C-alpha atoms as a PDB file:
ATOM      1  CA  UNK A   1     -20.827  10.041  18.665  1.00  0.00           C
ATOM      2  CA  UNK A   2     -21.447   6.472  17.440  1.00  0.00           C
ATOM      3  CA  UNK A   3     -24.908   5.539  16.368  1.00  0.00           C
ATOM      4  CA  UNK A   4     -26.769   3.135  18.650  1.00  0.00           C
ATOM      5  CA  UNK A   5     -27.921  -0.070  16.979  1.00  0.00           C
ATOM      6  CA  UNK A   6     -30.769  -1.695  18.934  1.00  0.00           C
ATOM      7  CA  UNK A   7     -30.182  -5.080  17.317  1.00  0.00           C
ATOM      8  CA  UNK A   8     -26.576  -5.134  18.551  1.00  0.00           C
ATOM      9  CA  UNK A   9     -27.678  -4.158  22.050  1.00  0.00           C
ATOM     10  CA  UNK A  10     -29.848  -7.297  22.145  1.00  0.00           C
ATOM     11  CA  UNK A  11     -26.954  -9.630  21.386  1.00  0.00           C
ATOM     12  CA  UNK A  12     -25.344 -11.590  24.191  1.00  0.00           C
ATOM     13  CA  UNK A  13     -21.970 -10.122  25.180  1.00  0.00           C
ATOM     14  CA  UNK A  14     -19.926 -12.910  23.566  1.00  0.00           C
ATOM     15  CA  UNK A  15     -21.763 -12.565  20.250  1.00  0.00           C
ATOM     16  CA  UNK A  16     -21.439  -8.767  20.312  1.00  0.00           C
ATOM     17  CA  UNK A  17     -17.685  -9.174  20.940  1.00  0.00           C
ATOM     18  CA  UNK A  18     -17.422 -11.644  18.043  1.00  0.00           C
ATOM     19  CA  UNK A  19     -19.277  -9.236  15.762  1.00  0.00           C
ATOM     20  CA  UNK A  20     -17.011  -6.374  16.827  1.00  0.00           C
ATOM     21  CA  UNK A  21     -13.914  -8.488  16.146  1.00  0.00           C
ATOM     22  CA  UNK A  22     -15.250  -9.558  12.728  1.00  0.00           C
ATOM     23  CA  UNK A  23     -15.942  -5.952  11.778  1.00  0.00           C
ATOM     24  CA  UNK A  24     -12.445  -4.963  12.877  1.00  0.00           C
ATOM     25  CA  UNK A  25     -10.956  -7.766  10.782  1.00  0.00           C
ATOM     26  CA  UNK A  26     -13.051  -6.722   7.782  1.00  0.00           C
ATOM     27  CA  UNK A  27     -11.866  -3.114   8.068  1.00  0.00           C
ATOM     28  CA  UNK A  28      -8.243  -4.263   8.299  1.00  0.00           C
ATOM     29  CA  UNK A  29      -8.665  -6.565   5.283  1.00  0.00           C
ATOM     30  CA  UNK A  30     -10.256  -3.753   3.289  1.00  0.00           C
ATOM     31  CA  UNK A  31      -7.391  -1.390   4.154  1.00  0.00           C
ATOM     32  CA  UNK A  32      -4.816  -4.002   3.139  1.00  0.00           C
ATOM     33  CA  UNK A  33      -6.598  -4.698  -0.154  1.00  0.00           C
ATOM     34  CA  UNK A  34      -6.820  -0.970  -0.929  1.00  0.00           C
ATOM     35  CA  UNK A  35      -3.132  -0.497  -0.150  1.00  0.00           C
ATOM     36  CA  UNK A  36      -2.177  -3.388  -2.443  1.00  0.00           C
ATOM     37  CA  UNK A  37      -4.388  -1.995  -5.188  1.00  0.00           C
ATOM     38  CA  UNK A  38      -2.823   1.455  -4.919  1.00  0.00           C
ATOM     39  CA  UNK A  39       0.691  -0.020  -4.926  1.00  0.00           C
ATOM     40  CA  UNK A  40      -0.174  -2.059  -8.024  1.00  0.00           C
ATOM     41  CA  UNK A  41      -1.491   1.024  -9.790  1.00  0.00           C
ATOM     42  CA  UNK A  42       1.620   3.006  -8.896  1.00  0.00           C
ATOM     43  CA  UNK A  43       3.911   0.268 -10.251  1.00  0.00           C
ATOM     44  CA  UNK A  44       2.042   0.465 -13.580  1.00  0.00           C
ATOM     45  CA  UNK A  45       3.043   4.117 -13.991  1.00  0.00           C
ATOM     46  CA  UNK A  46       6.383   5.156 -15.464  1.00  0.00           C
ATOM     47  CA  UNK A  47       8.912   5.768 -12.671  1.00  0.00           C
ATOM     48  CA  UNK A  48       9.135   9.571 -13.121  1.00  0.00           C
ATOM     49  CA  UNK A  49       5.380   9.926 -12.613  1.00  0.00           C
ATOM     50  CA  UNK A  50       5.021   7.731  -9.514  1.00  0.00           C
ATOM     51  CA  UNK A  51       6.087  10.216  -6.830  1.00  0.00           C
ATOM     52  CA  UNK A  52       4.190  13.113  -8.379  1.00  0.00           C
ATOM     53  CA  UNK A  53       1.036  11.054  -8.823  1.00  0.00           C
ATOM     54  CA  UNK A  54       1.171   9.732  -5.275  1.00  0.00           C
ATOM     55  CA  UNK A  55       1.695  13.239  -3.902  1.00  0.00           C
ATOM     56  CA  UNK A  56      -1.253  14.606  -5.901  1.00  0.00           C
ATOM     57  CA  UNK A  57      -3.563  11.723  -4.987  1.00  0.00           C
ATOM     58  CA  UNK A  58      -2.585  11.192  -1.354  1.00  0.00           C
ATOM     59  CA  UNK A  59      -0.784  14.318  -0.240  1.00  0.00           C
ATOM     60  CA  UNK A  60       2.613  12.633  -0.114  1.00  0.00           C
ATOM     61  CA  UNK A  61       1.601   9.922   2.346  1.00  0.00           C
END
């Protein structure tokens, strides 16, 4: 169950929507940056270790 934030409840609907959209964009940007970082790290490893390392770290995802 999401936590209720009284300060957000006081925002006008359009500002609350803008905040929600900004948070969604921030989460997406963070996920993209993390994915790029992981890919960069994997490319730095020797080829034979890449698949094994990825499987150990991320369960083969």
